[in-house]
């Protein structure tokens, strides 16, 4: 990509924030606010977006977060950002290797960072969490397979909050003059998301609906779900926040997947990409991506 993956995650933080489904998020936070002790496992934590949201929410009592990612550079960014945010909020912060402990009045927050591929991650003996979060991750995992693991890792009545799950819908605006090539490119982009994990097919381009179905089959009550679409469109003639960077990165991802496939005429594909890139430079390009947020509760 033109920008690093870490910078891309930074650029899309505010886009993600305004895209999260408000109703699902409200049910999630309402369920957390009454808890005096809250143990959270954040899978694929990246640069710490979910940690930041947890720390900025007025929760009671003790908050213990375990953050897991396979990318050491992203974990380093998440660690530094977490320390900075806690210090800004006037916590007394102590650090030891990949562990942070922060105290303010009667509030105690701990954050433990673990560098591990999810294929290798497992909780300690008897370790359970009240909440497991997964942000923009479930397209990379087989829904039914991973939910069986998560159900074992959750405490009784534990919550699973999965946000920004792609669900087969990427649309560019304005409509392309050559709708055939753009339609084929976007269709292939969805197909390119087909992957396997432990030999099983991942959620891929239909991760939202497949995750919903798997929750119902694997011992979860679906408390709330709804769309969390990205709307990367000019607002009053200008892009918001880091939308221009995100849009350029996404356009490059789509073009890159099509280029590597050898399924498209190189000159036609180049012309399509150049035309869309020119619209981006003119702040005239729009992109809407369909996604779904889900909140499930372990039954029993």
Protein backbone atom coordinates (compact mmCIF):
# COMPACT_ATOMS: atom_id res chain seq x y z
CA UNK A 1 0.00 0.00 0.00
CA UNK A 2 1.00 3.62 -0.46
CA UNK A 3 0.86 4.01 3.32
CA UNK A 4 1.93 1.43 5.91
CA UNK A 5 -0.71 -0.82 7.40
CA UNK A 6 -0.23 0.82 10.79
CA UNK A 7 -0.78 4.29 9.31
CA UNK A 8 -3.85 2.96 7.50
CA UNK A 9 -5.29 1.75 10.81
CA UNK A 10 -4.63 5.18 12.32
CA UNK A 11 -6.28 6.92 9.36
CA UNK A 12 -9.45 4.85 9.63
CA UNK A 13 -9.99 5.16 13.39
CA UNK A 14 -12.50 8.02 13.14
CA UNK A 15 -14.15 6.40 10.11
CA UNK A 16 -14.65 3.24 12.18
CA UNK A 17 -15.89 5.31 15.11
CA UNK A 18 -18.65 6.98 13.16
CA UNK A 19 -19.51 3.72 11.36
CA UNK A 20 -20.09 1.49 14.40
CA UNK A 21 -23.78 0.66 14.71
CA UNK A 22 -25.13 2.99 17.40
CA UNK A 23 -27.90 0.68 18.60
CA UNK A 24 -25.65 -2.37 18.93
CA UNK A 25 -23.00 -0.26 20.64
CA UNK A 26 -25.56 1.13 23.09
CA UNK A 27 -26.66 -2.38 24.12
CA UNK A 28 -23.01 -3.41 24.54
CA UNK A 29 -22.02 -0.47 26.76
CA UNK A 30 -25.21 -0.76 28.81
CA UNK A 31 -24.30 -4.37 29.61
CA UNK A 32 -20.81 -3.34 30.78
CA UNK A 33 -21.56 -0.33 32.95
CA UNK A 34 -23.01 -2.25 35.88
CA UNK A 35 -19.99 -4.57 36.28
CA UNK A 36 -17.52 -3.90 39.08
CA UNK A 37 -14.91 -6.23 37.55
CA UNK A 38 -14.61 -6.61 33.80
CA UNK A 39 -12.24 -9.03 32.09
CA UNK A 40 -11.86 -8.38 28.35
CA UNK A 41 -10.05 -10.34 25.62
CA UNK A 42 -9.39 -8.25 22.51
CA UNK A 43 -8.54 -10.51 19.57
CA UNK A 44 -6.49 -9.07 16.73
CA UNK A 45 -6.09 -5.85 18.69
CA UNK A 46 -4.02 -4.13 15.99
CA UNK A 47 -2.93 -0.65 17.05
CA UNK A 48 -5.35 -0.67 20.01
CA UNK A 49 -8.59 0.84 18.67
CA UNK A 50 -10.86 -1.25 20.90
CA UNK A 51 -8.60 -0.68 23.93
CA UNK A 52 -8.92 3.06 23.34
CA UNK A 53 -12.71 2.82 23.23
CA UNK A 54 -12.79 0.78 26.44
CA UNK A 55 -10.57 3.26 28.26
CA UNK A 56 -12.58 6.26 27.10
CA UNK A 57 -15.89 4.80 28.29
CA UNK A 58 -16.94 5.58 31.91
CA UNK A 59 -16.85 2.06 33.36
CA UNK A 60 -16.92 1.17 37.05
CA UNK A 61 -14.31 -0.58 39.15
CA UNK A 62 -11.61 -2.85 37.77
CA UNK A 63 -10.91 -3.32 34.05
CA UNK A 64 -8.52 -6.10 32.96
CA UNK A 65 -7.74 -6.26 29.25
CA UNK A 66 -5.81 -8.97 27.42
CA UNK A 67 -4.83 -7.79 23.91
CA UNK A 68 -3.63 -10.33 21.34
CA UNK A 69 -2.09 -9.76 17.92
CA UNK A 70 0.54 -11.48 15.81
CA UNK A 71 2.09 -8.21 14.61
CA UNK A 72 4.73 -7.00 17.05
CA UNK A 73 4.96 -3.52 15.48
CA UNK A 74 1.22 -2.97 15.90
CA UNK A 75 1.41 -4.21 19.50
CA UNK A 76 4.17 -1.70 20.17
CA UNK A 77 1.96 1.08 18.81
CA UNK A 78 -0.98 -0.14 20.90
CA UNK A 79 1.20 -0.28 24.02
CA UNK A 80 2.54 3.27 23.55
CA UNK A 81 -0.91 4.67 22.74
CA UNK A 82 -2.42 2.97 25.80
CA UNK A 83 0.21 4.42 28.13
CA UNK A 84 -0.24 7.88 26.63
CA UNK A 85 -4.03 7.79 26.99
CA UNK A 86 -3.89 6.56 30.60
CA UNK A 87 -1.39 9.25 31.54
CA UNK A 88 -3.53 11.90 29.85
CA UNK A 89 -6.43 10.74 32.02
CA UNK A 90 -4.23 11.19 35.12
CA UNK A 91 -3.78 7.54 36.03
CA UNK A 92 -0.68 6.50 37.93
CA UNK A 93 0.87 4.16 35.39
CA UNK A 94 3.41 1.40 36.04
CA UNK A 95 4.90 -0.67 33.21
CA UNK A 96 6.63 -4.01 33.10
CA UNK A 97 7.52 -5.58 29.73
CA UNK A 98 4.18 -6.11 27.96
CA UNK A 99 2.04 -5.34 31.03
CA UNK A 100 0.53 -2.03 32.12
CA UNK A 101 -1.11 -1.30 35.48
CA UNK A 102 -2.89 2.01 35.99
CA UNK A 103 -4.53 3.34 39.16
CA UNK A 104 -6.73 6.39 39.67
CA UNK A 105 -8.60 6.77 42.96
CA UNK A 106 -10.40 3.42 43.31
CA UNK A 107 -10.18 2.57 39.62
CA UNK A 108 -7.66 -0.09 38.58
CA UNK A 109 -6.95 -0.90 34.94
CA UNK A 110 -4.52 -3.52 33.66
CA UNK A 111 -3.61 -4.22 30.06
CA UNK A 112 -1.60 -7.28 29.03
CA UNK A 113 -0.24 -7.49 25.47
CA UNK A 114 0.43 -10.90 23.92
CA UNK A 115 2.20 -11.40 20.59
CA UNK A 116 0.64 -14.58 19.25
CA UNK A 117 -1.00 -15.89 16.12
CA UNK A 118 -4.59 -16.88 16.85
CA UNK A 119 -3.78 -20.40 15.66
CA UNK A 120 -1.48 -20.70 18.68
CA UNK A 121 -3.30 -18.64 21.28
CA UNK A 122 -5.03 -20.32 24.19
CA UNK A 123 -6.02 -19.05 27.65
CA UNK A 124 -4.27 -20.14 30.80
CA UNK A 125 -5.78 -22.96 32.81
CA UNK A 126 -9.14 -21.85 34.21
CA UNK A 127 -8.83 -18.39 32.60
CA UNK A 128 -12.15 -16.92 31.49
CA UNK A 129 -13.26 -13.55 30.13
CA UNK A 130 -16.48 -11.61 30.60
CA UNK A 131 -16.17 -10.03 27.15
CA UNK A 132 -14.39 -10.96 23.93
CA UNK A 133 -14.06 -8.34 21.20
CA UNK A 134 -13.04 -8.70 17.55
CA UNK A 135 -12.83 -5.58 15.39
CA UNK A 136 -12.67 -6.01 11.58
CA UNK A 137 -11.28 -9.51 12.10
CA UNK A 138 -13.90 -12.17 11.51
CA UNK A 139 -13.49 -12.30 7.72
CA UNK A 140 -10.09 -13.92 8.46
CA UNK A 141 -11.54 -16.70 10.65
CA UNK A 142 -13.98 -19.63 10.20
CA UNK A 143 -17.07 -18.43 12.13
CA UNK A 144 -18.34 -21.73 13.56
CA UNK A 145 -14.85 -22.98 14.43
CA UNK A 146 -13.77 -19.83 16.25
CA UNK A 147 -17.09 -19.45 18.09
CA UNK A 148 -16.64 -22.90 19.62
CA UNK A 149 -13.34 -21.68 21.05
CA UNK A 150 -14.73 -18.36 22.20
CA UNK A 151 -17.65 -20.02 23.96
CA UNK A 152 -15.19 -22.07 26.03
CA UNK A 153 -13.15 -18.96 26.83
CA UNK A 154 -16.13 -16.89 28.01
CA UNK A 155 -17.43 -16.86 31.55
CA UNK A 156 -21.12 -17.60 32.16
CA UNK A 157 -23.31 -15.16 30.24
CA UNK A 158 -20.18 -13.66 28.65
CA UNK A 159 -20.46 -11.30 25.67
CA UNK A 160 -18.92 -11.47 22.20
CA UNK A 161 -18.86 -8.11 20.39
CA UNK A 162 -17.76 -8.38 16.76
CA UNK A 163 -17.64 -5.13 14.81
CA UNK A 164 -17.18 -4.12 11.17
CA UNK A 165 -17.71 -7.57 9.69
CA UNK A 166 -17.59 -7.21 5.90
CA UNK A 167 -20.68 -8.52 4.14
CA UNK A 168 -20.29 -8.46 0.36
CA UNK A 169 -20.97 -4.94 -0.70
CA UNK A 170 -18.42 -2.47 -2.09
CA UNK A 171 -19.81 0.33 -4.26
CA UNK A 172 -17.96 3.19 -5.93
CA UNK A 173 -19.49 6.52 -6.86
CA UNK A 174 -20.17 8.09 -9.30
CA UNK A 175 -21.26 5.13 -11.42
CA UNK A 176 -18.42 4.04 -13.73
CA UNK A 177 -18.68 4.71 -17.48
CA UNK A 178 -17.51 1.12 -18.02
CA UNK A 179 -19.74 -0.68 -15.56
CA UNK A 180 -18.70 -4.11 -16.85
CA UNK A 181 -15.03 -3.87 -15.90
CA UNK A 182 -15.74 -2.23 -12.54
CA UNK A 183 -18.38 -4.82 -11.71
CA UNK A 184 -15.96 -7.62 -12.56
CA UNK A 185 -13.15 -6.03 -10.54
CA UNK A 186 -15.33 -5.62 -7.44
CA UNK A 187 -16.73 -9.13 -7.81
CA UNK A 188 -13.20 -10.50 -7.96
CA UNK A 189 -12.22 -8.37 -4.95
CA UNK A 190 -14.87 -10.21 -2.91
CA UNK A 191 -13.70 -13.59 -4.22
CA UNK A 192 -10.10 -12.74 -3.30
CA UNK A 193 -11.13 -12.73 0.38
CA UNK A 194 -11.63 -16.51 0.32
CA UNK A 195 -9.07 -17.94 2.74
CA UNK A 196 -8.65 -20.91 5.05
CA UNK A 197 -7.73 -21.15 8.74
CA UNK A 198 -6.75 -24.53 10.17
CA UNK A 199 -7.96 -25.98 6.86
CA UNK A 200 -11.44 -24.47 7.22
CA UNK A 201 -13.00 -21.74 5.03
CA UNK A 202 -13.02 -18.29 6.62
CA UNK A 203 -15.91 -15.84 6.69
CA UNK A 204 -14.41 -13.87 3.83
CA UNK A 205 -16.68 -11.53 1.92
CA UNK A 206 -19.79 -12.85 3.72
CA UNK A 207 -18.40 -12.79 7.25
CA UNK A 208 -21.30 -10.76 8.68
CA UNK A 209 -24.12 -13.10 7.73
CA UNK A 210 -22.05 -16.24 8.33
CA UNK A 211 -21.11 -15.06 11.81
CA UNK A 212 -24.77 -14.36 12.63
CA UNK A 213 -25.74 -17.87 11.54
CA UNK A 214 -22.86 -19.44 13.48
CA UNK A 215 -23.77 -17.56 16.68
CA UNK A 216 -27.25 -19.08 16.60
CA UNK A 217 -25.82 -22.56 16.04
CA UNK A 218 -23.00 -22.42 18.59
CA UNK A 219 -24.69 -21.51 21.85
CA UNK A 220 -25.04 -17.73 21.63
CA UNK A 221 -28.06 -15.51 21.92
CA UNK A 222 -27.83 -12.66 19.42
CA UNK A 223 -28.66 -9.62 21.55
CA UNK A 224 -28.31 -7.07 18.76
CA UNK A 225 -26.99 -6.69 15.24
CA UNK A 226 -27.09 -4.08 12.52
CA UNK A 227 -25.24 -2.42 9.67
CA UNK A 228 -21.99 -0.55 10.27
CA UNK A 229 -21.30 0.58 6.73
CA UNK A 230 -18.29 2.66 5.85
CA UNK A 231 -19.32 5.80 4.02
CA UNK A 232 -16.18 7.29 2.47
CA UNK A 233 -17.91 10.03 0.56
CA UNK A 234 -17.23 13.74 0.07
CA UNK A 235 -19.06 15.73 2.74
CA UNK A 236 -19.89 19.24 1.57
CA UNK A 237 -17.29 18.80 -1.16
CA UNK A 238 -14.45 17.55 1.06
CA UNK A 239 -13.34 14.31 2.66
CA UNK A 240 -13.57 13.98 6.43
CA UNK A 241 -10.95 12.96 8.97
CA UNK A 242 -8.54 10.44 7.36
CA UNK A 243 -10.99 9.38 4.67
CA UNK A 244 -8.81 10.42 1.72
CA UNK A 245 -5.95 8.21 2.94
CA UNK A 246 -8.32 5.31 3.60
CA UNK A 247 -9.96 5.68 0.22
CA UNK A 248 -6.61 5.71 -1.60
CA UNK A 249 -5.46 2.62 0.33
CA UNK A 250 -8.68 0.73 -0.38
CA UNK A 251 -8.65 1.67 -4.06
CA UNK A 252 -5.07 0.43 -4.25
CA UNK A 253 -6.05 -2.85 -2.53
CA UNK A 254 -8.88 -3.45 -5.02
CA UNK A 255 -6.69 -2.62 -8.01
CA UNK A 256 -3.82 -4.72 -6.62
CA UNK A 257 -5.96 -7.83 -6.21
CA UNK A 258 -7.28 -7.47 -9.75
CA UNK A 259 -3.77 -6.89 -11.16
CA UNK A 260 -2.34 -9.98 -9.49
CA UNK A 261 -5.15 -12.17 -10.82
CA UNK A 262 -4.18 -11.88 -14.52
CA UNK A 263 -7.90 -12.03 -15.30
CA UNK A 264 -8.15 -8.48 -16.63
CA UNK A 265 -6.72 -6.68 -19.63
CA UNK A 266 -3.80 -4.70 -18.13
CA UNK A 267 -4.45 -1.54 -20.15
CA UNK A 268 -8.18 -1.52 -19.40
CA UNK A 269 -7.50 -2.10 -15.71
CA UNK A 270 -4.86 0.63 -15.66
CA UNK A 271 -7.28 3.07 -17.28
CA UNK A 272 -10.01 2.20 -14.77
CA UNK A 273 -7.66 2.71 -11.82
CA UNK A 274 -6.28 5.98 -13.19
CA UNK A 275 -9.81 7.34 -13.71
CA UNK A 276 -10.91 6.50 -10.17
CA UNK A 277 -7.66 7.87 -8.75
CA UNK A 278 -8.21 11.15 -10.61
CA UNK A 279 -11.69 11.42 -9.06
CA UNK A 280 -10.13 10.84 -5.64
CA UNK A 281 -7.66 13.69 -6.21
CA UNK A 282 -10.61 15.93 -7.15
CA UNK A 283 -12.44 14.86 -3.94
CA UNK A 284 -15.24 13.49 -6.10
CA UNK A 285 -14.86 9.75 -5.49
CA UNK A 286 -17.13 7.96 -3.04
CA UNK A 287 -16.98 4.46 -1.61
CA UNK A 288 -19.59 2.67 0.50
CA UNK A 289 -18.72 -0.66 2.13
CA UNK A 290 -21.41 -2.85 3.70
CA UNK A 291 -20.54 -4.25 7.13
CA UNK A 292 -22.40 -5.73 10.11
CA UNK A 293 -21.89 -5.41 13.88
CA UNK A 294 -23.02 -8.27 16.10
CA UNK A 295 -23.38 -8.66 19.86
CA UNK A 296 -23.88 -12.17 21.20
CA UNK A 297 -24.19 -13.60 24.71
CA UNK A 298 -23.09 -17.05 25.73
CA UNK A 299 -26.10 -19.11 26.74
CA UNK A 300 -25.81 -20.91 30.09
